[in-house]
Amino acid sequence: MKAIEITATIDESGQLTLDRSIGIIKPQRVRIIILIAEDDEADPDETPTEIAIEGIHQGLREALAGQTIPLSEMWQGIDAE
């Protein structure tokens, strides 16, 4: 059995919509496990605003200091689906 992790949205009628295609075109039944954050839990996919802003500032400081890498090397070692 193969596992695929993806985010999705449940609408008002309870229908699940995936955020992107999973690339499977063969019709088949699947098993779904849904993880829902409790009301008091932070969304693990949501970066707090302060952290996101600090990351942008850090990136700008590095760019201004010439601490950059060629675009051709940027994705090396990252397994993107």
PDB file of N, CA and C in Angstrom:
ATOM      1  N   MET A   1       0.850  -1.167   0.000  1.00  0.00           N
ATOM      2  CA  MET A   1       0.000   0.000   0.000  1.00  0.00           C
ATOM      3  C   MET A   1       0.897   1.231   0.000  1.00  0.00           C
ATOM      4  N   LYS A   2       0.525   2.241  -0.777  1.00  0.00           N
ATOM      5  CA  LYS A   2       1.282   3.483  -0.906  1.00  0.00           C
ATOM      6  C   LYS A   2       0.584   4.584  -0.120  1.00  0.00           C
ATOM      7  N   ALA A   3       1.347   5.428   0.572  1.00  0.00           N
ATOM      8  CA  ALA A   3       0.785   6.554   1.320  1.00  0.00           C
ATOM      9  C   ALA A   3       1.101   7.855   0.597  1.00  0.00           C
ATOM     10  N   ILE A   4       0.114   8.739   0.523  1.00  0.00           N
ATOM     11  CA  ILE A   4       0.284  10.070  -0.060  1.00  0.00           C
ATOM     12  C   ILE A   4      -0.255  11.069   0.947  1.00  0.00           C
ATOM     13  N   GLU A   5       0.557  12.063   1.288  1.00  0.00           N
ATOM     14  CA  GLU A   5       0.089  13.110   2.187  1.00  0.00           C
ATOM     15  C   GLU A   5      -0.195  14.357   1.370  1.00  0.00           C
ATOM     16  N   ILE A   6      -1.368  14.945   1.579  1.00  0.00           N
ATOM     17  CA  ILE A   6      -1.788  16.130   0.845  1.00  0.00           C
ATOM     18  C   ILE A   6      -2.779  16.902   1.706  1.00  0.00           C
ATOM     19  N   THR A   7      -2.854  18.193   1.522  1.00  0.00           N
ATOM     20  CA  THR A   7      -3.844  18.977   2.247  1.00  0.00           C
ATOM     21  C   THR A   7      -5.115  19.070   1.418  1.00  0.00           C
ATOM     22  N   ALA A   8      -6.212  19.330   2.097  1.00  0.00           N
ATOM     23  CA  ALA A   8      -7.508  19.407   1.432  1.00  0.00           C
ATOM     24  C   ALA A   8      -8.430  20.292   2.254  1.00  0.00           C
ATOM     25  N   THR A   9      -9.599  20.566   1.709  1.00  0.00           N
ATOM     26  CA  THR A   9     -10.604  21.381   2.384  1.00  0.00           C
ATOM     27  C   THR A   9     -11.914  20.611   2.419  1.00  0.00           C
ATOM     28  N   ILE A  10     -12.587  20.665   3.561  1.00  0.00           N
ATOM     29  CA  ILE A  10     -13.928  20.092   3.666  1.00  0.00           C
ATOM     30  C   ILE A  10     -14.906  21.261   3.566  1.00  0.00           C
ATOM     31  N   ASP A  11     -15.819  21.200   2.592  1.00  0.00           N
ATOM     32  CA  ASP A  11     -16.752  22.308   2.412  1.00  0.00           C
ATOM     33  C   ASP A  11     -17.981  22.159   3.309  1.00  0.00           C
ATOM     34  N   GLU A  12     -18.915  23.095   3.159  1.00  0.00           N
ATOM     35  CA  GLU A  12     -20.108  23.133   4.010  1.00  0.00           C
ATOM     36  C   GLU A  12     -20.978  21.880   3.900  1.00  0.00           C
ATOM     37  N   SER A  13     -20.898  21.200   2.756  1.00  0.00           N
ATOM     38  CA  SER A  13     -21.706  19.990   2.582  1.00  0.00           C
ATOM     39  C   SER A  13     -20.947  18.719   2.959  1.00  0.00           C
ATOM     40  N   GLY A  14     -19.728  18.897   3.500  1.00  0.00           N
ATOM     41  CA  GLY A  14     -18.945  17.742   3.931  1.00  0.00           C
ATOM     42  C   GLY A  14     -18.131  17.091   2.830  1.00  0.00           C
ATOM     43  N   GLN A  15     -18.048  17.716   1.665  1.00  0.00           N
ATOM     44  CA  GLN A  15     -17.278  17.164   0.547  1.00  0.00           C
ATOM     45  C   GLN A  15     -15.809  17.551   0.692  1.00  0.00           C
ATOM     46  N   LEU A  16     -14.934  16.623   0.408  1.00  0.00           N
ATOM     47  CA  LEU A  16     -13.494  16.816   0.522  1.00  0.00           C
ATOM     48  C   LEU A  16     -12.932  17.215  -0.832  1.00  0.00           C
ATOM     49  N   THR A  17     -12.171  18.312  -0.887  1.00  0.00           N
ATOM     50  CA  THR A  17     -11.537  18.766  -2.121  1.00  0.00           C
ATOM     51  C   THR A  17     -10.035  18.847  -1.879  1.00  0.00           C
ATOM     52  N   LEU A  18      -9.261  18.090  -2.671  1.00  0.00           N
ATOM     53  CA  LEU A  18      -7.809  18.103  -2.534  1.00  0.00           C
ATOM     54  C   LEU A  18      -7.257  19.424  -3.052  1.00  0.00           C
ATOM     55  N   ASP A  19      -6.167  19.902  -2.435  1.00  0.00           N
ATOM     56  CA  ASP A  19      -5.558  21.164  -2.844  1.00  0.00           C
ATOM     57  C   ASP A  19      -4.798  21.060  -4.156  1.00  0.00           C
ATOM     58  N   ARG A  20      -4.423  19.851  -4.541  1.00  0.00           N
ATOM     59  CA  ARG A  20      -3.747  19.642  -5.831  1.00  0.00           C
ATOM     60  C   ARG A  20      -4.016  18.207  -6.288  1.00  0.00           C
ATOM     61  N   SER A  21      -3.732  17.964  -7.535  1.00  0.00           N
ATOM     62  CA  SER A  21      -3.899  16.613  -8.065  1.00  0.00           C
ATOM     63  C   SER A  21      -2.829  15.697  -7.481  1.00  0.00           C
ATOM     64  N   ILE A  22      -3.191  14.449  -7.235  1.00  0.00           N
ATOM     65  CA  ILE A  22      -2.200  13.485  -6.750  1.00  0.00           C
ATOM     66  C   ILE A  22      -1.641  12.642  -7.893  1.00  0.00           C
ATOM     67  N   GLY A  23      -2.085  12.925  -9.105  1.00  0.00           N
ATOM     68  CA  GLY A  23      -1.506  12.296 -10.287  1.00  0.00           C
ATOM     69  C   GLY A  23      -1.915  10.857 -10.529  1.00  0.00           C
ATOM     70  N   ILE A  24      -2.969  10.404  -9.901  1.00  0.00           N
ATOM     71  CA  ILE A  24      -3.448   9.037 -10.129  1.00  0.00           C
ATOM     72  C   ILE A  24      -4.636   9.117 -11.073  1.00  0.00           C
ATOM     73  N   ILE A  25      -4.533   8.449 -12.224  1.00  0.00           N
ATOM     74  CA  ILE A  25      -5.611   8.540 -13.209  1.00  0.00           C
ATOM     75  C   ILE A  25      -6.422   7.253 -13.327  1.00  0.00           C
ATOM     76  N   LYS A  26      -5.968   6.189 -12.685  1.00  0.00           N
ATOM     77  CA  LYS A  26      -6.683   4.917 -12.728  1.00  0.00           C
ATOM     78  C   LYS A  26      -7.789   4.939 -11.673  1.00  0.00           C
ATOM     79  N   PRO A  27      -9.041   4.781 -12.064  1.00  0.00           N
ATOM     80  CA  PRO A  27     -10.122   4.751 -11.071  1.00  0.00           C
ATOM     81  C   PRO A  27      -9.913   3.595 -10.085  1.00  0.00           C
ATOM     82  N   GLN A  28     -10.010   3.887  -8.810  1.00  0.00           N
ATOM     83  CA  GLN A  28      -9.833   2.863  -7.782  1.00  0.00           C
ATOM     84  C   GLN A  28     -10.329   3.386  -6.445  1.00  0.00           C
ATOM     85  N   ARG A  29     -10.655   2.486  -5.563  1.00  0.00           N
ATOM     86  CA  ARG A  29     -11.049   2.868  -4.207  1.00  0.00           C
ATOM     87  C   ARG A  29      -9.793   3.119  -3.396  1.00  0.00           C
ATOM     88  N   VAL A  30      -9.886   4.048  -2.449  1.00  0.00           N
ATOM     89  CA  VAL A  30      -8.755   4.379  -1.595  1.00  0.00           C
ATOM     90  C   VAL A  30      -9.220   4.460  -0.156  1.00  0.00           C
ATOM     91  N   ARG A  31      -8.283   4.363   0.766  1.00  0.00           N
ATOM     92  CA  ARG A  31      -8.582   4.578   2.183  1.00  0.00           C
ATOM     93  C   ARG A  31      -8.101   5.965   2.534  1.00  0.00           C
ATOM     94  N   ILE A  32      -8.897   6.695   3.293  1.00  0.00           N
ATOM     95  CA  ILE A  32      -8.579   8.075   3.657  1.00  0.00           C
ATOM     96  C   ILE A  32      -8.484   8.182   5.182  1.00  0.00           C
ATOM     97  N   ILE A  33      -7.425   8.841   5.655  1.00  0.00           N
ATOM     98  CA  ILE A  33      -7.300   9.186   7.072  1.00  0.00           C
ATOM     99  C   ILE A  33      -7.319  10.709   7.124  1.00  0.00           C
ATOM    100  N   ILE A  34      -8.220  11.270   7.900  1.00  0.00           N
ATOM    101  CA  ILE A  34      -8.342  12.727   7.981  1.00  0.00           C
ATOM    102  C   ILE A  34      -7.886  13.179   9.361  1.00  0.00           C
ATOM    103  N   LEU A  35      -6.937  14.103   9.397  1.00  0.00           N
ATOM    104  CA  LEU A  35      -6.440  14.679  10.637  1.00  0.00           C
ATOM    105  C   LEU A  35      -6.989  16.099  10.737  1.00  0.00           C
ATOM    106  N   ILE A  36      -7.749  16.371  11.775  1.00  0.00           N
ATOM    107  CA  ILE A  36      -8.371  17.676  11.961  1.00  0.00           C
ATOM    108  C   ILE A  36      -7.815  18.299  13.230  1.00  0.00           C
ATOM    109  N   ALA A  37      -7.324  19.539  13.122  1.00  0.00           N
ATOM    110  CA  ALA A  37      -6.783  20.241  14.286  1.00  0.00           C
ATOM    111  C   ALA A  37      -7.921  20.558  15.257  1.00  0.00           C
ATOM    112  N   GLU A  38      -7.639  20.395  16.533  1.00  0.00           N
ATOM    113  CA  GLU A  38      -8.592  20.792  17.565  1.00  0.00           C
ATOM    114  C   GLU A  38      -8.670  22.316  17.576  1.00  0.00           C
ATOM    115  N   ASP A  39      -9.717  22.870  18.174  1.00  0.00           N
ATOM    116  CA  ASP A  39      -9.895  24.317  18.204  1.00  0.00           C
ATOM    117  C   ASP A  39      -8.718  25.044  18.831  1.00  0.00           C
ATOM    118  N   ASP A  40      -8.062  24.414  19.811  1.00  0.00           N
ATOM    119  CA  ASP A  40      -6.957  25.081  20.505  1.00  0.00           C
ATOM    120  C   ASP A  40      -5.585  24.748  19.908  1.00  0.00           C
ATOM    121  N   GLU A  41      -5.556  23.981  18.809  1.00  0.00           N
ATOM    122  CA  GLU A  41      -4.302  23.619  18.163  1.00  0.00           C
ATOM    123  C   GLU A  41      -4.010  24.552  16.998  1.00  0.00           C
ATOM    124  N   ALA A  42      -2.732  24.880  16.840  1.00  0.00           N
ATOM    125  CA  ALA A  42      -2.325  25.661  15.677  1.00  0.00           C
ATOM    126  C   ALA A  42      -2.270  24.734  14.462  1.00  0.00           C
ATOM    127  N   ASP A  43      -2.550  25.268  13.299  1.00  0.00           N
ATOM    128  CA  ASP A  43      -2.459  24.507  12.055  1.00  0.00           C
ATOM    129  C   ASP A  43      -0.975  24.275  11.756  1.00  0.00           C
ATOM    130  N   PRO A  44      -0.527  23.013  11.661  1.00  0.00           N
ATOM    131  CA  PRO A  44       0.896  22.751  11.435  1.00  0.00           C
ATOM    132  C   PRO A  44       1.388  23.248  10.081  1.00  0.00           C
ATOM    133  N   ASP A  45       0.483  23.499   9.136  1.00  0.00           N
ATOM    134  CA  ASP A  45       0.876  24.005   7.823  1.00  0.00           C
ATOM    135  C   ASP A  45       0.881  25.529   7.775  1.00  0.00           C
ATOM    136  N   GLU A  46       0.497  26.174   8.849  1.00  0.00           N
ATOM    137  CA  GLU A  46       0.410  27.632   8.891  1.00  0.00           C
ATOM    138  C   GLU A  46       1.590  28.202   9.672  1.00  0.00           C
ATOM    139  N   THR A  47       2.461  28.921   8.985  1.00  0.00           N
ATOM    140  CA  THR A  47       3.597  29.565   9.644  1.00  0.00           C
ATOM    141  C   THR A  47       3.113  30.847  10.299  1.00  0.00           C
ATOM    142  N   PRO A  48       3.416  31.043  11.585  1.00  0.00           N
ATOM    143  CA  PRO A  48       3.011  32.297  12.235  1.00  0.00           C
ATOM    144  C   PRO A  48       3.561  33.514  11.489  1.00  0.00           C
ATOM    145  N   THR A  49       2.781  34.565  11.423  1.00  0.00           N
ATOM    146  CA  THR A  49       3.134  35.767  10.669  1.00  0.00           C
ATOM    147  C   THR A  49       4.501  36.309  11.062  1.00  0.00           C
ATOM    148  N   GLU A  50       4.787  36.357  12.366  1.00  0.00           N
ATOM    149  CA  GLU A  50       6.068  36.909  12.821  1.00  0.00           C
ATOM    150  C   GLU A  50       7.247  36.119  12.258  1.00  0.00           C
ATOM    151  N   ILE A  51       7.115  34.809  12.228  1.00  0.00           N
ATOM    152  CA  ILE A  51       8.198  33.956  11.716  1.00  0.00           C
ATOM    153  C   ILE A  51       8.346  34.153  10.207  1.00  0.00           C
ATOM    154  N   ALA A  52       7.228  34.255   9.498  1.00  0.00           N
ATOM    155  CA  ALA A  52       7.278  34.465   8.052  1.00  0.00           C
ATOM    156  C   ALA A  52       7.948  35.798   7.725  1.00  0.00           C
ATOM    157  N   ILE A  53       7.592  36.857   8.455  1.00  0.00           N
ATOM    158  CA  ILE A  53       8.177  38.175   8.214  1.00  0.00           C
ATOM    159  C   ILE A  53       9.671  38.165   8.517  1.00  0.00           C
ATOM    160  N   GLU A  54      10.075  37.510   9.610  1.00  0.00           N
ATOM    161  CA  GLU A  54      11.497  37.424   9.945  1.00  0.00           C
ATOM    162  C   GLU A  54      12.252  36.674   8.853  1.00  0.00           C
ATOM    163  N   GLY A  55      11.650  35.616   8.293  1.00  0.00           N
ATOM    164  CA  GLY A  55      12.290  34.878   7.205  1.00  0.00           C
ATOM    165  C   GLY A  55      12.484  35.743   5.969  1.00  0.00           C
ATOM    166  N   ILE A  56      11.509  36.585   5.674  1.00  0.00           N
ATOM    167  CA  ILE A  56      11.626  37.509   4.535  1.00  0.00           C
ATOM    168  C   ILE A  56      12.743  38.518   4.794  1.00  0.00           C
ATOM    169  N   HIS A  57      12.779  39.075   5.999  1.00  0.00           N
ATOM    170  CA  HIS A  57      13.840  40.025   6.344  1.00  0.00           C
ATOM    171  C   HIS A  57      15.222  39.372   6.247  1.00  0.00           C
ATOM    172  N   GLN A  58      15.351  38.160   6.758  1.00  0.00           N
ATOM    173  CA  GLN A  58      16.626  37.441   6.705  1.00  0.00           C
ATOM    174  C   GLN A  58      17.038  37.209   5.261  1.00  0.00           C
ATOM    175  N   GLY A  59      16.104  36.795   4.424  1.00  0.00           N
ATOM    176  CA  GLY A  59      16.414  36.577   3.008  1.00  0.00           C
ATOM    177  C   GLY A  59      16.856  37.855   2.313  1.00  0.00           C
ATOM    178  N   LEU A  60      16.217  38.962   2.634  1.00  0.00           N
ATOM    179  CA  LEU A  60      16.595  40.250   2.054  1.00  0.00           C
ATOM    180  C   LEU A  60      17.996  40.661   2.509  1.00  0.00           C
ATOM    181  N   ARG A  61      18.295  40.475   3.809  1.00  0.00           N
ATOM    182  CA  ARG A  61      19.637  40.789   4.309  1.00  0.00           C
ATOM    183  C   ARG A  61      20.699  39.953   3.595  1.00  0.00           C
ATOM    184  N   GLU A  62      20.419  38.660   3.412  1.00  0.00           N
ATOM    185  CA  GLU A  62      21.374  37.784   2.726  1.00  0.00           C
ATOM    186  C   GLU A  62      21.561  38.204   1.274  1.00  0.00           C
ATOM    187  N   ALA A  63      20.462  38.542   0.598  1.00  0.00           N
ATOM    188  CA  ALA A  63      20.555  38.964  -0.805  1.00  0.00           C
ATOM    189  C   ALA A  63      21.368  40.245  -0.932  1.00  0.00           C
ATOM    190  N   LEU A  64      21.119  41.209  -0.058  1.00  0.00           N
ATOM    191  CA  LEU A  64      21.854  42.476  -0.100  1.00  0.00           C
ATOM    192  C   LEU A  64      23.337  42.282   0.214  1.00  0.00           C
ATOM    193  N   ALA A  65      23.664  41.264   1.005  1.00  0.00           N
ATOM    194  CA  ALA A  65      25.058  40.974   1.355  1.00  0.00           C
ATOM    195  C   ALA A  65      25.729  40.084   0.311  1.00  0.00           C
ATOM    196  N   GLY A  66      24.984  39.711  -0.743  1.00  0.00           N
ATOM    197  CA  GLY A  66      25.550  38.865  -1.796  1.00  0.00           C
ATOM    198  C   GLY A  66      25.609  37.396  -1.443  1.00  0.00           C
ATOM    199  N   GLN A  67      24.929  37.001  -0.388  1.00  0.00           N
ATOM    200  CA  GLN A  67      24.920  35.596   0.040  1.00  0.00           C
ATOM    201  C   GLN A  67      23.804  34.859  -0.703  1.00  0.00           C
ATOM    202  N   THR A  68      24.053  34.591  -1.974  1.00  0.00           N
ATOM    203  CA  THR A  68      23.046  33.933  -2.804  1.00  0.00           C
ATOM    204  C   THR A  68      23.641  32.681  -3.430  1.00  0.00           C
ATOM    205  N   ILE A  69      22.783  31.834  -3.980  1.00  0.00           N
ATOM    206  CA  ILE A  69      23.216  30.655  -4.716  1.00  0.00           C
ATOM    207  C   ILE A  69      22.561  30.702  -6.091  1.00  0.00           C
ATOM    208  N   PRO A  70      23.212  30.119  -7.102  1.00  0.00           N
ATOM    209  CA  PRO A  70      22.611  30.103  -8.444  1.00  0.00           C
ATOM    210  C   PRO A  70      21.274  29.354  -8.425  1.00  0.00           C
ATOM    211  N   LEU A  71      20.343  29.837  -9.210  1.00  0.00           N
ATOM    212  CA  LEU A  71      19.018  29.216  -9.291  1.00  0.00           C
ATOM    213  C   LEU A  71      19.119  27.741  -9.675  1.00  0.00           C
ATOM    214  N   SER A  72      20.093  27.409 -10.510  1.00  0.00           N
ATOM    215  CA  SER A  72      20.253  26.017 -10.949  1.00  0.00           C
ATOM    216  C   SER A  72      20.590  25.079  -9.792  1.00  0.00           C
ATOM    217  N   GLU A  73      21.111  25.624  -8.690  1.00  0.00           N
ATOM    218  CA  GLU A  73      21.471  24.803  -7.530  1.00  0.00           C
ATOM    219  C   GLU A  73      20.408  24.848  -6.420  1.00  0.00           C
ATOM    220  N   MET A  74      19.447  25.716  -6.566  1.00  0.00           N
ATOM    221  CA  MET A  74      18.492  25.970  -5.478  1.00  0.00           C
ATOM    222  C   MET A  74      17.725  24.720  -5.057  1.00  0.00           C
ATOM    223  N   TRP A  75      17.309  23.877  -5.998  1.00  0.00           N
ATOM    224  CA  TRP A  75      16.459  22.741  -5.662  1.00  0.00           C
ATOM    225  C   TRP A  75      17.225  21.435  -5.537  1.00  0.00           C
ATOM    226  N   GLN A  76      18.553  21.482  -5.597  1.00  0.00           N
ATOM    227  CA  GLN A  76      19.327  20.257  -5.464  1.00  0.00           C
ATOM    228  C   GLN A  76      19.127  19.658  -4.078  1.00  0.00           C
ATOM    229  N   GLY A  77      18.842  18.366  -4.037  1.00  0.00           N
ATOM    230  CA  GLY A  77      18.658  17.681  -2.767  1.00  0.00           C
ATOM    231  C   GLY A  77      17.246  17.751  -2.217  1.00  0.00           C
ATOM    232  N   ILE A  78      16.364  18.459  -2.911  1.00  0.00           N
ATOM    233  CA  ILE A  78      14.973  18.555  -2.462  1.00  0.00           C
ATOM    234  C   ILE A  78      14.136  17.646  -3.340  1.00  0.00           C
ATOM    235  N   ASP A  79      13.431  16.724  -2.718  1.00  0.00           N
ATOM    236  CA  ASP A  79      12.589  15.776  -3.446  1.00  0.00           C
ATOM    237  C   ASP A  79      11.206  16.375  -3.605  1.00  0.00           C
ATOM    238  N   ALA A  80      10.941  17.030  -4.728  1.00  0.00           N
ATOM    239  CA  ALA A  80       9.636  17.651  -4.989  1.00  0.00           C
ATOM    240  C   ALA A  80       8.807  16.714  -5.856  1.00  0.00           C
ATOM    241  N   GLU A  81       7.536  16.561  -5.489  1.00  0.00           N
ATOM    242  CA  GLU A  81       6.647  15.690  -6.271  1.00  0.00           C
ATOM    243  C   GLU A  81       5.950  16.484  -7.339  1.00  0.00           C
TER     244      GLU A  81
END
